[in-house]
Amino acid sequence: MCADTLHPGEPKVDASLVRRLIAAQFPRWAGLPVERIDSIGTSNTLYRLGGDMVVRLPRTAGAAEDVEKEHTWLPRLAASLPVPVPTPLGRGAPAEGFPWSWSVHRWIDGEVPVEGDVTAPEALAADLAEFVAALHRVDPTGGPPSYRSEPLAARDAATRTAIAELDGAVDAHAATAAWEEALRAPGPAGPPVWIHADLQPGNLLLARGRLCAVIDFGCAGLGDPAVDLLAAWYVLPAGARPLFRAALDVDDAAWARGRGWALSVALLELSYYRDRSPHMTRVARHVIQEVLLDYRP
């Protein structure tokens, strides 16, 4: 696999291709500077277009399916959320050898947080809770299922396989115990709600330590609200987690499911990306460590 790709079969993309796509499909933007963004994202390759736009080219067929969802739902969600989210400006079609739909969004300034090492953890915990609560209140009528809409138990086989594959790289005994505790937690009491489902550092933007935008809604849709609690272990240090939990008034069952989601997602990411992406490997290891430190048999 090419060092610049993360997934098998990922199409080759460069600035020349982006310029040709823009010139053919959005001629009003032809001639604007095009510059590759050194993104830590795994679903899209990003290019800055001019000063205030970003071109997003899916890396996989699955990510390409998110283009229509984002163009349909992001404008509807934006009005109900306390911080900016991406604004779709144009939807591109397959062309020039690129096989899938792609998109142009408004550029949003901000800094990606470092997992567990943020400058204003208590304020960020409050910001994240405000965003999560607002998203969960959005009218779910007609909403699509989230990419992570399945019950936690449906991930059991894949999670145990990842633990077995990572034995020696992680504490397999502790990971199994923490996972089994999450499986014992009661399921959600209410109907599915809108969730982001991927509140990882790479999908958050900060300004002076405060949340200023949430990006990449590829996993968004209807699901268990506990999925969005994974931000507690992916983003926040241990001392700020109780504030996040209290602000959302999360009961023990939902907190256990949220911790299980964080563990399962991180284990599968570490298993998949450990030879592909140093950044994703570092984040996944951090999350697993935090979950196991937080877990109490």
C-alpha atoms as a PDB file:
ATOM      1  CA  MET A   1       0.000   0.000   0.000  1.00  0.00           C
ATOM      2  CA  CYS A   2       1.248   3.484  -0.894  1.00  0.00           C
ATOM      3  CA  ALA A   3       2.458   5.464   2.111  1.00  0.00           C
ATOM      4  CA  ASP A   4      -0.062   8.195   1.242  1.00  0.00           C
ATOM      5  CA  THR A   5      -3.056   5.848   1.368  1.00  0.00           C
ATOM      6  CA  LEU A   6      -4.841   4.281   4.317  1.00  0.00           C
ATOM      7  CA  HIS A   7      -7.190   1.782   2.676  1.00  0.00           C
ATOM      8  CA  PRO A   8      -6.859  -0.910  -0.007  1.00  0.00           C
ATOM      9  CA  GLY A   9      -7.989   0.292  -3.404  1.00  0.00           C
ATOM     10  CA  GLU A  10      -7.900   3.960  -2.441  1.00  0.00           C
ATOM     11  CA  PRO A  11      -7.898   6.123  -5.601  1.00  0.00           C
ATOM     12  CA  LYS A  12      -4.870   8.231  -6.422  1.00  0.00           C
ATOM     13  CA  VAL A  13      -5.556  11.924  -5.820  1.00  0.00           C
ATOM     14  CA  ASP A  14      -3.375  14.973  -6.401  1.00  0.00           C
ATOM     15  CA  ALA A  15      -3.757  18.729  -6.811  1.00  0.00           C
ATOM     16  CA  SER A  16      -3.899  18.431 -10.592  1.00  0.00           C
ATOM     17  CA  LEU A  17      -6.923  16.146 -10.368  1.00  0.00           C
ATOM     18  CA  VAL A  18      -8.663  18.553  -7.988  1.00  0.00           C
ATOM     19  CA  ARG A  19      -8.046  21.484 -10.335  1.00  0.00           C
ATOM     20  CA  ARG A  20      -9.527  19.546 -13.253  1.00  0.00           C
ATOM     21  CA  LEU A  21     -12.583  18.507 -11.274  1.00  0.00           C
ATOM     22  CA  ILE A  22     -13.205  22.058 -10.085  1.00  0.00           C
ATOM     23  CA  ALA A  23     -12.678  23.595 -13.529  1.00  0.00           C
ATOM     24  CA  ALA A  24     -15.102  21.180 -15.182  1.00  0.00           C
ATOM     25  CA  GLN A  25     -17.844  21.125 -12.549  1.00  0.00           C
ATOM     26  CA  PHE A  26     -17.530  24.425 -10.703  1.00  0.00           C
ATOM     27  CA  PRO A  27     -16.030  26.820 -13.245  1.00  0.00           C
ATOM     28  CA  ARG A  28     -16.738  29.838 -11.014  1.00  0.00           C
ATOM     29  CA  TRP A  29     -13.991  28.534  -8.732  1.00  0.00           C
ATOM     30  CA  ALA A  30     -11.539  27.613 -11.482  1.00  0.00           C
ATOM     31  CA  GLY A  31      -8.196  29.313 -11.009  1.00  0.00           C
ATOM     32  CA  LEU A  32      -8.396  29.466  -7.226  1.00  0.00           C
ATOM     33  CA  PRO A  33      -5.336  28.104  -5.403  1.00  0.00           C
ATOM     34  CA  VAL A  34      -5.497  24.394  -4.562  1.00  0.00           C
ATOM     35  CA  GLU A  35      -3.345  23.069  -1.721  1.00  0.00           C
ATOM     36  CA  ARG A  36      -3.217  19.639  -0.090  1.00  0.00           C
ATOM     37  CA  ILE A  37      -4.124  19.664   3.613  1.00  0.00           C
ATOM     38  CA  ASP A  38      -2.101  17.390   5.859  1.00  0.00           C
ATOM     39  CA  SER A  39      -5.228  16.013   7.510  1.00  0.00           C
ATOM     40  CA  ILE A  40      -5.386  13.297  10.154  1.00  0.00           C
ATOM     41  CA  GLY A  41      -8.777  12.194   8.856  1.00  0.00           C
ATOM     42  CA  THR A  42      -9.211   8.693   7.480  1.00  0.00           C
ATOM     43  CA  SER A  43     -12.361   9.032   5.350  1.00  0.00           C
ATOM     44  CA  ASN A  44     -11.522  11.908   3.007  1.00  0.00           C
ATOM     45  CA  THR A  45      -8.513  13.488   1.335  1.00  0.00           C
ATOM     46  CA  LEU A  46      -8.703  17.263   1.801  1.00  0.00           C
ATOM     47  CA  TYR A  47      -7.582  20.156  -0.373  1.00  0.00           C
ATOM     48  CA  ARG A  48      -7.859  23.827   0.510  1.00  0.00           C
ATOM     49  CA  LEU A  49      -9.622  25.734  -2.277  1.00  0.00           C
ATOM     50  CA  GLY A  50      -8.952  29.444  -2.225  1.00  0.00           C
ATOM     51  CA  GLY A  51      -9.107  31.009   1.221  1.00  0.00           C
ATOM     52  CA  ASP A  52     -12.489  29.859   2.457  1.00  0.00           C
ATOM     53  CA  MET A  53     -13.330  26.453   0.984  1.00  0.00           C
ATOM     54  CA  VAL A  54     -12.214  22.834   1.294  1.00  0.00           C
ATOM     55  CA  VAL A  55     -12.560  20.020  -1.229  1.00  0.00           C
ATOM     56  CA  ARG A  56     -13.321  16.620   0.305  1.00  0.00           C
ATOM     57  CA  LEU A  57     -12.581  13.533  -1.811  1.00  0.00           C
ATOM     58  CA  PRO A  58     -13.702  10.232  -0.260  1.00  0.00           C
ATOM     59  CA  ARG A  59     -11.016   7.621   0.287  1.00  0.00           C
ATOM     60  CA  THR A  60     -13.471   4.688   0.141  1.00  0.00           C
ATOM     61  CA  ALA A  61     -16.808   3.801  -1.422  1.00  0.00           C
ATOM     62  CA  GLY A  62     -18.358   3.836   2.047  1.00  0.00           C
ATOM     63  CA  ALA A  63     -17.191   7.391   2.685  1.00  0.00           C
ATOM     64  CA  ALA A  64     -18.589   8.397  -0.707  1.00  0.00           C
ATOM     65  CA  GLU A  65     -22.038   7.304   0.453  1.00  0.00           C
ATOM     66  CA  ASP A  66     -21.838   9.985   3.167  1.00  0.00           C
ATOM     67  CA  VAL A  67     -21.717  12.833   0.638  1.00  0.00           C
ATOM     68  CA  GLU A  68     -25.453  12.799  -0.036  1.00  0.00           C
ATOM     69  CA  LYS A  69     -26.269  12.464   3.663  1.00  0.00           C
ATOM     70  CA  GLU A  70     -24.107  15.450   4.601  1.00  0.00           C
ATOM     71  CA  HIS A  71     -25.552  17.633   1.835  1.00  0.00           C
ATOM     72  CA  THR A  72     -29.079  16.713   2.912  1.00  0.00           C
ATOM     73  CA  TRP A  73     -28.802  16.882   6.678  1.00  0.00           C
ATOM     74  CA  LEU A  74     -26.020  19.275   7.653  1.00  0.00           C
ATOM     75  CA  PRO A  75     -28.021  22.388   6.688  1.00  0.00           C
ATOM     76  CA  ARG A  76     -30.974  21.073   8.711  1.00  0.00           C
ATOM     77  CA  LEU A  77     -28.889  20.248  11.778  1.00  0.00           C
ATOM     78  CA  ALA A  78     -26.845  23.447  11.771  1.00  0.00           C
ATOM     79  CA  ALA A  79     -29.642  25.710  13.001  1.00  0.00           C
ATOM     80  CA  SER A  80     -30.091  23.626  16.175  1.00  0.00           C
ATOM     81  CA  LEU A  81     -26.432  23.331  17.179  1.00  0.00           C
ATOM     82  CA  PRO A  82     -24.413  25.689  19.393  1.00  0.00           C
ATOM     83  CA  VAL A  83     -21.230  25.678  17.277  1.00  0.00           C
ATOM     84  CA  PRO A  84     -20.646  25.751  13.511  1.00  0.00           C
ATOM     85  CA  VAL A  85     -20.718  22.551  11.471  1.00  0.00           C
ATOM     86  CA  PRO A  86     -19.619  22.126   7.841  1.00  0.00           C
ATOM     87  CA  THR A  87     -21.602  24.011   5.211  1.00  0.00           C
ATOM     88  CA  PRO A  88     -21.851  22.097   1.914  1.00  0.00           C
ATOM     89  CA  LEU A  89     -21.294  24.427  -1.045  1.00  0.00           C
ATOM     90  CA  GLY A  90     -21.150  22.024  -3.960  1.00  0.00           C
ATOM     91  CA  ARG A  91     -21.557  18.345  -4.737  1.00  0.00           C
ATOM     92  CA  GLY A  92     -19.234  16.950  -7.362  1.00  0.00           C
ATOM     93  CA  ALA A  93     -19.806  13.961  -9.620  1.00  0.00           C
ATOM     94  CA  PRO A  94     -17.402  11.133 -10.559  1.00  0.00           C
ATOM     95  CA  ALA A  95     -15.065  12.295 -13.331  1.00  0.00           C
ATOM     96  CA  GLU A  96     -11.446  12.463 -14.448  1.00  0.00           C
ATOM     97  CA  GLY A  97     -10.881   8.934 -13.185  1.00  0.00           C
ATOM     98  CA  PHE A  98     -12.170   9.714  -9.679  1.00  0.00           C
ATOM     99  CA  PRO A  99     -14.885   7.088  -9.088  1.00  0.00           C
ATOM    100  CA  TRP A 100     -17.232   8.675  -6.533  1.00  0.00           C
ATOM    101  CA  SER A 101     -19.199  11.742  -5.561  1.00  0.00           C
ATOM    102  CA  TRP A 102     -17.206  14.393  -3.724  1.00  0.00           C
ATOM    103  CA  SER A 103     -17.934  17.736  -2.148  1.00  0.00           C
ATOM    104  CA  VAL A 104     -16.880  21.301  -1.479  1.00  0.00           C
ATOM    105  CA  HIS A 105     -17.508  22.742   1.984  1.00  0.00           C
ATOM    106  CA  ARG A 106     -16.983  26.068   3.654  1.00  0.00           C
ATOM    107  CA  TRP A 107     -13.615  26.218   5.422  1.00  0.00           C
ATOM    108  CA  ILE A 108     -13.749  26.488   9.227  1.00  0.00           C
ATOM    109  CA  ASP A 109     -10.741  27.768  11.154  1.00  0.00           C
ATOM    110  CA  GLY A 110      -9.697  25.988  14.350  1.00  0.00           C
ATOM    111  CA  GLU A 111      -7.155  23.723  15.989  1.00  0.00           C
ATOM    112  CA  VAL A 112      -7.518  19.973  16.399  1.00  0.00           C
ATOM    113  CA  PRO A 113      -7.201  19.013  20.094  1.00  0.00           C
ATOM    114  CA  VAL A 114      -4.609  16.582  21.375  1.00  0.00           C
ATOM    115  CA  GLU A 115      -6.289  13.609  22.990  1.00  0.00           C
ATOM    116  CA  GLY A 116      -6.412  13.987  26.770  1.00  0.00           C
ATOM    117  CA  ASP A 117      -4.209  17.127  26.733  1.00  0.00           C
ATOM    118  CA  VAL A 118      -6.368  20.220  26.319  1.00  0.00           C
ATOM    119  CA  THR A 119      -5.739  23.684  27.728  1.00  0.00           C
ATOM    120  CA  ALA A 120      -9.205  24.269  29.219  1.00  0.00           C
ATOM    121  CA  PRO A 121     -10.563  20.806  30.042  1.00  0.00           C
ATOM    122  CA  GLU A 122     -13.481  21.897  32.231  1.00  0.00           C
ATOM    123  CA  ALA A 123     -14.673  24.467  29.702  1.00  0.00           C
ATOM    124  CA  LEU A 124     -14.268  21.983  26.875  1.00  0.00           C
ATOM    125  CA  ALA A 125     -16.243  19.370  28.835  1.00  0.00           C
ATOM    126  CA  ALA A 126     -19.082  21.876  29.173  1.00  0.00           C
ATOM    127  CA  ASP A 127     -18.882  22.784  25.476  1.00  0.00           C
ATOM    128  CA  LEU A 128     -18.976  19.150  24.395  1.00  0.00           C
ATOM    129  CA  ALA A 129     -21.926  18.436  26.686  1.00  0.00           C
ATOM    130  CA  GLU A 130     -23.808  21.430  25.260  1.00  0.00           C
ATOM    131  CA  PHE A 131     -23.207  20.211  21.708  1.00  0.00           C
ATOM    132  CA  VAL A 132     -24.187  16.621  22.486  1.00  0.00           C
ATOM    133  CA  ALA A 133     -27.346  17.648  24.331  1.00  0.00           C
ATOM    134  CA  ALA A 134     -28.406  19.961  21.502  1.00  0.00           C
ATOM    135  CA  LEU A 135     -27.819  17.306  18.852  1.00  0.00           C
ATOM    136  CA  HIS A 136     -29.763  14.717  20.837  1.00  0.00           C
ATOM    137  CA  ARG A 137     -32.732  17.120  21.005  1.00  0.00           C
ATOM    138  CA  VAL A 138     -33.002  17.502  17.215  1.00  0.00           C
ATOM    139  CA  ASP A 139     -36.240  16.094  15.797  1.00  0.00           C
ATOM    140  CA  PRO A 140     -35.353  12.552  14.623  1.00  0.00           C
ATOM    141  CA  THR A 141     -38.203  12.330  12.101  1.00  0.00           C
ATOM    142  CA  GLY A 142     -36.888  10.935   8.832  1.00  0.00           C
ATOM    143  CA  GLY A 143     -33.297  10.752  10.050  1.00  0.00           C
ATOM    144  CA  PRO A 144     -31.058   7.978   8.670  1.00  0.00           C
ATOM    145  CA  PRO A 145     -29.532   5.354  10.957  1.00  0.00           C
ATOM    146  CA  SER A 146     -26.097   6.223  12.252  1.00  0.00           C
ATOM    147  CA  TYR A 147     -23.082   4.308  10.997  1.00  0.00           C
ATOM    148  CA  ARG A 148     -22.914   3.183  14.638  1.00  0.00           C
ATOM    149  CA  SER A 149     -26.613   2.480  15.157  1.00  0.00           C
ATOM    150  CA  GLU A 150     -26.263  -1.166  16.156  1.00  0.00           C
ATOM    151  CA  PRO A 151     -26.612  -2.325  19.776  1.00  0.00           C
ATOM    152  CA  LEU A 152     -23.316  -2.737  21.571  1.00  0.00           C
ATOM    153  CA  ALA A 153     -23.738  -6.518  21.667  1.00  0.00           C
ATOM    154  CA  ALA A 154     -23.656  -6.618  17.854  1.00  0.00           C
ATOM    155  CA  ARG A 155     -19.980  -5.588  18.080  1.00  0.00           C
ATOM    156  CA  ASP A 156     -19.065  -8.432  20.420  1.00  0.00           C
ATOM    157  CA  ALA A 157     -17.445 -10.783  17.914  1.00  0.00           C
ATOM    158  CA  ALA A 158     -15.438  -8.037  16.189  1.00  0.00           C
ATOM    159  CA  THR A 159     -14.310  -6.554  19.502  1.00  0.00           C
ATOM    160  CA  ARG A 160     -13.171  -9.908  20.897  1.00  0.00           C
ATOM    161  CA  THR A 161     -11.332 -10.628  17.650  1.00  0.00           C
ATOM    162  CA  ALA A 162      -9.508  -7.298  17.952  1.00  0.00           C
ATOM    163  CA  ILE A 163      -8.577  -8.043  21.568  1.00  0.00           C
ATOM    164  CA  ALA A 164      -7.148 -11.410  20.531  1.00  0.00           C
ATOM    165  CA  GLU A 165      -5.192  -9.846  17.661  1.00  0.00           C
ATOM    166  CA  LEU A 166      -3.781  -7.167  19.965  1.00  0.00           C
ATOM    167  CA  ASP A 167      -2.854  -9.476  22.837  1.00  0.00           C
ATOM    168  CA  GLY A 168       0.559  -8.309  23.997  1.00  0.00           C
ATOM    169  CA  ALA A 169       0.024  -4.829  22.585  1.00  0.00           C
ATOM    170  CA  VAL A 170      -2.836  -4.260  25.062  1.00  0.00           C
ATOM    171  CA  ASP A 171      -3.828  -5.915  28.335  1.00  0.00           C
ATOM    172  CA  ALA A 172      -6.172  -8.482  26.817  1.00  0.00           C
ATOM    173  CA  HIS A 173      -7.484  -9.695  30.191  1.00  0.00           C
ATOM    174  CA  ALA A 174      -8.393  -6.200  31.387  1.00  0.00           C
ATOM    175  CA  ALA A 175      -9.826  -5.234  28.009  1.00  0.00           C
ATOM    176  CA  THR A 176     -12.037  -8.331  27.997  1.00  0.00           C
ATOM    177  CA  ALA A 177     -13.262  -7.619  31.527  1.00  0.00           C
ATOM    178  CA  ALA A 178     -14.058  -3.989  30.704  1.00  0.00           C
ATOM    179  CA  TRP A 179     -15.826  -5.023  27.508  1.00  0.00           C
ATOM    180  CA  GLU A 180     -17.918  -7.665  29.267  1.00  0.00           C
ATOM    181  CA  GLU A 181     -18.982  -5.127  31.883  1.00  0.00           C
ATOM    182  CA  ALA A 182     -20.208  -2.826  29.116  1.00  0.00           C
ATOM    183  CA  LEU A 183     -22.173  -5.693  27.565  1.00  0.00           C
ATOM    184  CA  ARG A 184     -23.956  -6.290  30.871  1.00  0.00           C
ATOM    185  CA  ALA A 185     -25.268  -2.723  30.973  1.00  0.00           C
ATOM    186  CA  PRO A 186     -28.976  -2.288  30.159  1.00  0.00           C
ATOM    187  CA  GLY A 187     -29.731  -0.883  26.728  1.00  0.00           C
ATOM    188  CA  PRO A 188     -31.173   2.562  26.050  1.00  0.00           C
ATOM    189  CA  ALA A 189     -34.586   3.206  27.575  1.00  0.00           C
ATOM    190  CA  GLY A 190     -35.783   5.576  24.867  1.00  0.00           C
ATOM    191  CA  PRO A 191     -35.945   5.717  21.073  1.00  0.00           C
ATOM    192  CA  PRO A 192     -32.914   6.493  18.881  1.00  0.00           C
ATOM    193  CA  VAL A 193     -31.799  10.123  18.731  1.00  0.00           C
ATOM    194  CA  TRP A 194     -29.532  12.118  16.435  1.00  0.00           C
ATOM    195  CA  ILE A 195     -25.893  11.329  17.281  1.00  0.00           C
ATOM    196  CA  HIS A 196     -22.594  12.396  15.768  1.00  0.00           C
ATOM    197  CA  ALA A 197     -21.120   8.988  16.636  1.00  0.00           C
ATOM    198  CA  ASP A 198     -17.480   9.957  16.031  1.00  0.00           C
ATOM    199  CA  LEU A 199     -16.557  12.713  18.498  1.00  0.00           C
ATOM    200  CA  GLN A 200     -12.828  12.086  18.221  1.00  0.00           C
ATOM    201  CA  PRO A 201     -10.115  14.760  18.364  1.00  0.00           C
ATOM    202  CA  GLY A 202      -9.801  14.887  14.578  1.00  0.00           C
ATOM    203  CA  ASN A 203     -13.469  15.823  14.246  1.00  0.00           C
ATOM    204  CA  LEU A 204     -13.375  18.735  16.688  1.00  0.00           C
ATOM    205  CA  LEU A 205     -11.965  22.224  16.235  1.00  0.00           C
ATOM    206  CA  LEU A 206     -10.931  24.452  19.130  1.00  0.00           C
ATOM    207  CA  ALA A 207     -10.180  28.146  19.526  1.00  0.00           C
ATOM    208  CA  ARG A 208      -8.322  29.174  22.696  1.00  0.00           C
ATOM    209  CA  GLY A 209      -9.189  25.793  24.197  1.00  0.00           C
ATOM    210  CA  ARG A 210     -12.935  26.097  23.594  1.00  0.00           C
ATOM    211  CA  LEU A 211     -15.005  24.101  21.122  1.00  0.00           C
ATOM    212  CA  CYS A 212     -15.533  26.245  18.006  1.00  0.00           C
ATOM    213  CA  ALA A 213     -16.776  23.656  15.478  1.00  0.00           C
ATOM    214  CA  VAL A 214     -17.646  19.994  15.005  1.00  0.00           C
ATOM    215  CA  ILE A 215     -16.810  18.478  11.626  1.00  0.00           C
ATOM    216  CA  ASP A 216     -17.099  15.218   9.641  1.00  0.00           C
ATOM    217  CA  PHE A 217     -20.659  13.978  10.094  1.00  0.00           C
ATOM    218  CA  GLY A 218     -20.073  10.815   8.079  1.00  0.00           C
ATOM    219  CA  CYS A 219     -21.077   8.593  11.007  1.00  0.00           C
ATOM    220  CA  ALA A 220     -24.013  10.788  12.065  1.00  0.00           C
ATOM    221  CA  GLY A 221     -27.600   9.601  12.176  1.00  0.00           C
ATOM    222  CA  LEU A 222     -30.010   8.021  14.640  1.00  0.00           C
ATOM    223  CA  GLY A 223     -28.684   5.786  17.401  1.00  0.00           C
ATOM    224  CA  ASP A 224     -28.072   5.247  21.093  1.00  0.00           C
ATOM    225  CA  PRO A 225     -27.177   8.582  22.764  1.00  0.00           C
ATOM    226  CA  ALA A 226     -24.477   6.748  24.736  1.00  0.00           C
ATOM    227  CA  VAL A 227     -22.373   6.492  21.552  1.00  0.00           C
ATOM    228  CA  ASP A 228     -21.567  10.204  21.813  1.00  0.00           C
ATOM    229  CA  LEU A 229     -20.159   9.678  25.309  1.00  0.00           C
ATOM    230  CA  LEU A 230     -17.021   8.215  23.718  1.00  0.00           C
ATOM    231  CA  ALA A 231     -15.749  11.820  23.646  1.00  0.00           C
ATOM    232  CA  ALA A 232     -15.151  11.469  27.391  1.00  0.00           C
ATOM    233  CA  TRP A 233     -12.292   9.043  26.765  1.00  0.00           C
ATOM    234  CA  TYR A 234     -11.202  10.179  23.311  1.00  0.00           C
ATOM    235  CA  VAL A 235     -10.875  13.874  24.110  1.00  0.00           C
ATOM    236  CA  LEU A 236     -11.136  14.731  27.799  1.00  0.00           C
ATOM    237  CA  PRO A 237      -8.666  14.041  30.605  1.00  0.00           C
ATOM    238  CA  ALA A 238      -9.938  11.984  33.531  1.00  0.00           C
ATOM    239  CA  GLY A 239     -10.558  14.997  35.764  1.00  0.00           C
ATOM    240  CA  ALA A 240     -13.000  16.568  33.312  1.00  0.00           C
ATOM    241  CA  ARG A 241     -15.085  13.475  32.641  1.00  0.00           C
ATOM    242  CA  PRO A 242     -17.341  13.855  35.723  1.00  0.00           C
ATOM    243  CA  LEU A 243     -18.248  17.373  34.567  1.00  0.00           C
ATOM    244  CA  PHE A 244     -19.164  16.090  31.103  1.00  0.00           C
ATOM    245  CA  ARG A 245     -21.238  13.290  32.614  1.00  0.00           C
ATOM    246  CA  ALA A 246     -23.015  15.545  35.103  1.00  0.00           C
ATOM    247  CA  ALA A 247     -23.848  18.146  32.463  1.00  0.00           C
ATOM    248  CA  LEU A 248     -25.575  15.440  30.412  1.00  0.00           C
ATOM    249  CA  ASP A 249     -27.154  13.764  33.478  1.00  0.00           C
ATOM    250  CA  VAL A 250     -25.943  10.342  32.348  1.00  0.00           C
ATOM    251  CA  ASP A 251     -26.967   7.288  34.373  1.00  0.00           C
ATOM    252  CA  ASP A 252     -24.708   4.328  35.155  1.00  0.00           C
ATOM    253  CA  ALA A 253     -26.023   2.165  32.319  1.00  0.00           C
ATOM    254  CA  ALA A 254     -25.468   4.792  29.638  1.00  0.00           C
ATOM    255  CA  TRP A 255     -22.017   5.636  31.004  1.00  0.00           C
ATOM    256  CA  ALA A 256     -21.048   1.951  30.897  1.00  0.00           C
ATOM    257  CA  ARG A 257     -22.301   1.678  27.306  1.00  0.00           C
ATOM    258  CA  GLY A 258     -20.415   4.841  26.359  1.00  0.00           C
ATOM    259  CA  ARG A 259     -17.205   3.432  27.828  1.00  0.00           C
ATOM    260  CA  GLY A 260     -17.845   0.200  25.948  1.00  0.00           C
ATOM    261  CA  TRP A 261     -18.278   2.123  22.697  1.00  0.00           C
ATOM    262  CA  ALA A 262     -15.022   3.994  23.283  1.00  0.00           C
ATOM    263  CA  LEU A 263     -13.190   0.731  23.993  1.00  0.00           C
ATOM    264  CA  SER A 264     -14.643  -1.153  21.035  1.00  0.00           C
ATOM    265  CA  VAL A 265     -14.013   1.649  18.538  1.00  0.00           C
ATOM    266  CA  ALA A 266     -10.453   2.158  19.779  1.00  0.00           C
ATOM    267  CA  LEU A 267      -9.643  -1.557  19.681  1.00  0.00           C
ATOM    268  CA  LEU A 268     -10.885  -1.906  16.111  1.00  0.00           C
ATOM    269  CA  GLU A 269      -9.020   1.249  15.090  1.00  0.00           C
ATOM    270  CA  LEU A 270      -5.788   0.036  16.638  1.00  0.00           C
ATOM    271  CA  SER A 271      -6.142  -3.341  14.951  1.00  0.00           C
ATOM    272  CA  TYR A 272      -6.751  -1.728  11.541  1.00  0.00           C
ATOM    273  CA  TYR A 273      -4.484   1.324  11.623  1.00  0.00           C
ATOM    274  CA  ARG A 274      -1.435   0.200  13.617  1.00  0.00           C
ATOM    275  CA  ASP A 275       0.529  -0.401  10.397  1.00  0.00           C
ATOM    276  CA  ARG A 276      -1.183   2.383   8.443  1.00  0.00           C
ATOM    277  CA  SER A 277      -1.537   5.564  10.507  1.00  0.00           C
ATOM    278  CA  PRO A 278       0.743   6.613  13.376  1.00  0.00           C
ATOM    279  CA  HIS A 279      -1.786   9.234  14.461  1.00  0.00           C
ATOM    280  CA  MET A 280      -4.738   6.844  14.664  1.00  0.00           C
ATOM    281  CA  THR A 281      -2.533   4.307  16.406  1.00  0.00           C
ATOM    282  CA  ARG A 282      -1.514   6.849  19.044  1.00  0.00           C
ATOM    283  CA  VAL A 283      -5.094   7.976  19.658  1.00  0.00           C
ATOM    284  CA  ALA A 284      -6.420   4.421  19.895  1.00  0.00           C
ATOM    285  CA  ARG A 285      -3.709   3.396  22.366  1.00  0.00           C
ATOM    286  CA  HIS A 286      -4.480   6.456  24.475  1.00  0.00           C
ATOM    287  CA  VAL A 287      -8.200   5.671  24.568  1.00  0.00           C
ATOM    288  CA  ILE A 288      -7.681   2.032  25.490  1.00  0.00           C
ATOM    289  CA  GLN A 289      -5.350   3.051  28.290  1.00  0.00           C
ATOM    290  CA  GLU A 290      -7.842   5.632  29.596  1.00  0.00           C
ATOM    291  CA  VAL A 291     -10.741   3.178  29.501  1.00  0.00           C
ATOM    292  CA  LEU A 292      -8.802   0.525  31.366  1.00  0.00           C
ATOM    293  CA  LEU A 293      -7.642   3.028  33.985  1.00  0.00           C
ATOM    294  CA  ASP A 294     -11.230   4.210  34.373  1.00  0.00           C
ATOM    295  CA  TYR A 295     -12.707   0.729  34.507  1.00  0.00           C
ATOM    296  CA  ARG A 296     -13.437  -0.705  37.938  1.00  0.00           C
ATOM    297  CA  PRO A 297     -14.454  -4.397  38.082  1.00  0.00           C
END
